[in-house]
Amino acid sequence: MSTYMAKKETINRKWYIIDAAGKPLGRVATQVATILRGKHTPEFTPNVDCGDNVIVINCAKVVLTGNKLEDKYYYRHTGYIGGLKSVKYKTLMANKPEMAMMLAVKGMLPKNSIGRSSLTRLRVYRDDQHEQAAQKPEVWNID
């Protein structure tokens, strides 16, 4: 008996939609990363990008537990000397909640070409309006 290895040509990608309203940011991000990676399917192969497409709606209504709104920061560097920029998550969630979700999911994906290509299949929206109705996404429930 041999182990099944998925091939890029034989992968059939589905569309899933996740409602993030009232759920913790990290819990939603782990489910999204699992679907993007393809670990929810029995045909999962670590060296092949076999994940599905994910739509996340209501990112503005996601919650951060504890004191993370006040204590957590998003850091980036401009590339110049002394160019470290920091933004509180309270400000980030008020202005760009989509970016907070993308950063959380990006941190949970592998840091290689498979992770980068998986992130291109993620669509994140602030409210419940999305543009992928023609793909007929299935609802993914987070327990």
Protein backbone atom coordinates (compact mmCIF):
# COMPACT_ATOMS: atom_id res chain seq x y z
CA MET A 1 0.00 0.00 0.00
CA SER A 2 1.39 3.40 -0.96
CA THR A 3 0.72 6.83 0.50
CA TYR A 4 -1.43 9.18 -1.58
CA MET A 5 0.42 12.32 -2.65
CA ALA A 6 -1.65 15.18 -4.05
CA LYS A 7 -0.55 16.87 -7.25
CA LYS A 8 -1.09 20.49 -8.20
CA GLU A 9 -3.10 19.51 -11.29
CA THR A 10 -5.59 17.30 -9.43
CA ILE A 11 -6.58 19.75 -6.68
CA ASN A 12 -10.21 20.89 -6.68
CA ARG A 13 -10.47 24.12 -4.67
CA LYS A 14 -13.66 25.05 -2.80
CA TRP A 15 -14.77 28.41 -1.43
CA TYR A 16 -15.59 28.87 2.26
CA ILE A 17 -17.03 31.88 4.05
CA ILE A 18 -16.35 32.59 7.74
CA ASP A 19 -18.29 35.12 9.82
CA ALA A 20 -15.90 36.62 12.39
CA ALA A 21 -18.46 38.70 14.29
CA GLY A 22 -18.08 38.31 18.05
CA LYS A 23 -15.32 35.70 17.81
CA PRO A 24 -11.72 36.06 19.06
CA LEU A 25 -9.22 37.13 16.40
CA GLY A 26 -6.82 34.24 17.03
CA ARG A 27 -9.53 31.56 16.91
CA VAL A 28 -10.75 32.79 13.54
CA ALA A 29 -7.19 33.12 12.21
CA THR A 30 -6.29 29.53 13.13
CA GLN A 31 -9.33 28.17 11.32
CA VAL A 32 -8.58 30.31 8.26
CA ALA A 33 -4.92 29.22 8.21
CA THR A 34 -5.98 25.56 8.45
CA ILE A 35 -8.32 25.90 5.47
CA LEU A 36 -5.81 27.89 3.40
CA ARG A 37 -3.14 25.27 4.06
CA GLY A 38 -5.50 22.38 3.23
CA LYS A 39 -5.09 20.53 6.51
CA HIS A 40 -8.84 19.96 6.80
CA THR A 41 -8.86 17.59 3.80
CA PRO A 42 -7.77 13.95 3.78
CA GLU A 43 -5.65 14.65 0.67
CA PHE A 44 -3.31 17.02 2.55
CA THR A 45 0.27 16.89 1.30
CA PRO A 46 2.84 19.08 3.10
CA ASN A 47 4.88 19.97 0.00
CA VAL A 48 1.89 20.87 -2.23
CA ASP A 49 -0.35 23.91 -1.98
CA CYS A 50 -3.66 22.04 -1.65
CA GLY A 51 -5.74 24.52 0.35
CA ASP A 52 -9.07 26.16 -0.42
CA ASN A 53 -10.26 29.77 -0.85
CA VAL A 54 -11.54 31.63 2.22
CA ILE A 55 -13.72 34.73 2.60
CA VAL A 56 -13.74 36.36 6.05
CA ILE A 57 -16.57 38.82 6.71
CA ASN A 58 -17.32 41.15 9.66
CA CYS A 59 -13.68 41.71 10.62
CA ALA A 60 -14.61 44.99 12.31
CA LYS A 61 -16.69 43.02 14.84
CA VAL A 62 -13.93 40.60 15.86
CA VAL A 63 -12.88 40.74 19.51
CA LEU A 64 -9.49 40.76 21.18
CA THR A 65 -9.51 39.10 24.60
CA GLY A 66 -7.86 40.47 27.71
CA ASN A 67 -6.04 43.80 27.48
CA LYS A 68 -4.76 43.23 23.97
CA LEU A 69 -6.53 46.30 22.58
CA GLU A 70 -4.46 48.49 24.91
CA ASP A 71 -1.24 46.48 25.30
CA LYS A 72 -0.61 44.88 21.89
CA TYR A 73 1.26 46.75 19.16
CA TYR A 74 1.86 46.19 15.45
CA TYR A 75 5.46 47.02 14.54
CA ARG A 76 6.96 47.66 11.12
CA HIS A 77 10.27 49.09 9.98
CA THR A 78 10.72 51.53 7.10
CA GLY A 79 14.23 50.35 6.32
CA TYR A 80 15.87 53.57 7.44
CA ILE A 81 17.81 54.18 10.64
CA GLY A 82 15.39 54.84 13.48
CA GLY A 83 12.46 53.92 11.23
CA LEU A 84 10.57 51.65 13.63
CA LYS A 85 6.86 52.46 13.49
CA SER A 86 4.34 51.15 16.00
CA VAL A 87 0.54 51.18 16.01
CA LYS A 88 -1.70 50.13 18.91
CA TYR A 89 -4.20 47.43 18.08
CA LYS A 90 -6.99 49.72 19.29
CA THR A 91 -6.12 52.11 16.47
CA LEU A 92 -5.51 49.30 14.00
CA MET A 93 -8.88 47.68 14.72
CA ALA A 94 -10.65 51.02 14.39
CA ASN A 95 -8.99 52.00 11.09
CA LYS A 96 -7.95 48.76 9.33
CA PRO A 97 -9.52 45.63 10.86
CA GLU A 98 -8.84 43.75 7.61
CA MET A 99 -5.11 44.28 8.08
CA ALA A 100 -5.25 42.88 11.62
CA MET A 101 -6.89 39.69 10.31
CA MET A 102 -4.40 39.39 7.44
CA LEU A 103 -1.45 39.79 9.83
CA ALA A 104 -2.84 37.16 12.21
CA VAL A 105 -3.36 34.64 9.39
CA LYS A 106 -0.01 35.43 7.75
CA GLY A 107 1.79 34.69 11.01
CA MET A 108 0.19 31.23 11.15
CA LEU A 109 1.15 30.17 7.62
CA PRO A 110 4.54 28.71 6.71
CA LYS A 111 7.27 31.20 5.81
CA ASN A 112 7.96 29.88 2.29
CA SER A 113 6.46 29.94 -1.22
CA ILE A 114 3.54 27.73 -0.18
CA GLY A 115 2.57 30.18 2.58
CA ARG A 116 2.82 33.16 0.24
CA SER A 117 0.65 31.51 -2.42
CA SER A 118 -1.85 30.38 0.24
CA LEU A 119 -2.30 33.96 1.43
CA THR A 120 -3.38 35.05 -2.06
CA ARG A 121 -6.53 32.92 -1.69
CA LEU A 122 -7.73 34.88 1.35
CA ARG A 123 -10.35 37.63 0.97
CA VAL A 124 -11.03 39.79 4.02
CA TYR A 125 -13.93 42.26 4.39
CA ARG A 126 -14.81 44.79 7.09
CA ASP A 127 -18.57 44.12 7.01
CA ASP A 128 -20.86 41.40 5.67
CA GLN A 129 -20.78 42.56 2.01
CA HIS A 130 -18.43 40.58 -0.26
CA GLU A 131 -17.87 40.28 -4.00
CA GLN A 132 -17.55 36.49 -4.29
CA ALA A 133 -21.24 35.54 -4.42
CA ALA A 134 -20.77 33.98 -7.87
CA GLN A 135 -18.38 31.36 -6.41
CA LYS A 136 -21.20 30.08 -4.12
CA PRO A 137 -19.10 29.79 -0.93
CA GLU A 138 -20.02 27.27 1.75
CA VAL A 139 -20.44 28.49 5.33
CA TRP A 140 -17.68 27.32 7.71
CA ASN A 141 -18.83 27.25 11.35
CA ILE A 142 -16.30 27.99 14.08
CA ASP A 143 -17.17 26.12 17.26
